[in-house]
Structure formats: structure tokens, C-alpha cells
Amino acid sequence: YKDEDQVRTEVRFIRWDGEVRTAFLAMTRIPETQKLAIAIMDITDKIRAENAVQQANRKLNFLTGIIRHDILNQLTVLKGNLELTREKNTDPGQAGIIAKELAATEAIQSLITFTRDYQDIGISPPAWQDVKQSVIRSCDGIRLGEIVLTVDIEGVVVYADRLLASVFSHLIENAIRHGEKTTRIRIFCQESFEELHIVCEDDGIGVPPEAKEKIFSRQFFSQTGLQMYLVQEILSITGIAIRETGIYGTGACFELRVPKGGYRFSTAQQ
């Protein structure tokens, strides 16, 4: 960090015995004088500890990734065999049991997938990201079918976790999976009271009033999975809030509220 009166930086130096160490250096100009106040702090141990934690996390993520991949493979085999059993089954009494087994398998798959997405939150520092491009990336692998997706956003950049595209993919998938009668999804933004609202609305069945806050909690897993909880966690890293404001029966409406200083417009948008 540097301005006319202050300098704050990290410097590396070689000690008398040849060891390379890191120090935090702060210099401040003393008002109405030509003098500087200088503070130096050795932060070598702190840097080493942080590096050790990062390395341990990388190894842990690598290991859990392998285990997760193997579990998902086995679940795919299990689910396939259950579906074959359902097709060949002629006993009505067994049909309900098989259906419950398939539902449990799908729930486990959803939980395992959630752990993959959740472990990536906060791994990389937040960054300025183009909202429209994030929405476009979020559509990779999503089957919209007959649903029309409209993105009315140009030149808007927000400061968010690097999983921002995942936020939009979860919102779009939520509209497809739970909207029941969804035919269109629209994403747009508007500035209001020194904050930016990024809105994702659809014409599906919407969210019941009693569930508008619950959908963002872990306890609501059985109804919608953990996707909306994950969305809230990703956004909260940079202070972005989310709420559902739609009217039940006419469609869902999710508002992402970006605080002042967390968004900006390109020259073209301005």
C-alpha cells in the first residue's frame, strides 16, 4: 500500500547467517516535519505458517477429491442397478421400497456434489467479475429445454468470490427443477439506494411465504437440497446479500444485493 504520506509493504532480507526472512515495513510521514516514523516487524514465521496451512489444504482437497470421485462412481453403479431392478420388478409391494432406495441414492449424490462445491469457497481471493459473462459461463451443462433465458445486463462488474458463476447456475437450475411450470427466466440489474440489485426471476410456481427464508438454511435440504444455502455462503464472502421477493403462484424472484463499493460500471454502461 502506498500514498503520499504512507508506505506499507512486505520486504525480504538476508540475515547475517544467510537465512532469508520476510518483514512488514510501514513508513509514515510525521505531519509538519521532514521526518518519517518507521516500523519493521519480522513476519517470517507467520508467512511460513500460512504457507504450511495452504499446502495442507491443497493435499486435503486433492485426497477428498479422489475419494469423492470414487464414491460418486459407486453411487452411479448402485443407482443404475436399482433402476434395472425397478424396471424388472413385478411385485407392487417392492415398488415403494425401490423408490425410497433411489431417492436416498440421489440425496447422497447431492450431498457429495455439495461438498465438492463448498470446499472451493474462499480458496482463491475474490475478484472483479463481469456479471453477464458469469451468467453465460453458468449455463454450461444446463439443459434449458423449452425455457427461454434472457440476460439484460451490460457492462456491470461486481467484486465476488470466484464461484460467482456457480451462484447463477444454482439459481437457474432451481428455477428449472422447482418452478414446475417455468417457461422463462430473466436476469437483470438495477441500482437502488446506493446498492446494486441483481435480479433472477422466473414465471414458475414461486416460493411459499413460509419458505422464503428457510430455503437458505441447511435444515431445508430435504425440499431443495443445499444449493441455495451454498449460494448464500458464496455471496456472503464479499458482503452480498440474497433474498427471495417473488409472489407465490406467479414465480420466484431472487435479489442479490451488492453493497456500494462492491460494484462498478464499464464506460459503455455509464
Foldseek 3Di string as FASTA:
>chain_A
DDDPFKDWDKDWDADPVGDIFIKIWIWGQDPPDRDIDIDIGTCRVVVVVVVVVLVVLVVVLVVLVVVLVVVVVVLVVVLVVLVVCLVPDPDPVCNVVSVVVNVVSVLVNLVSVVVNLLSLAPSDAWDKDAPVVLCVVLCVPPDCDQAAEEEPDDFKIFTFTPCSSLLNNLVVVQCVPPLQDWRYWYWYWDDDDQKIKIKIKTFGQEDDPVCFVVLLDPVCCVPRHNSNVSSQSRGPVQPWHWTWDDDGGGIIMIITIGHHVGMDGDPVVD
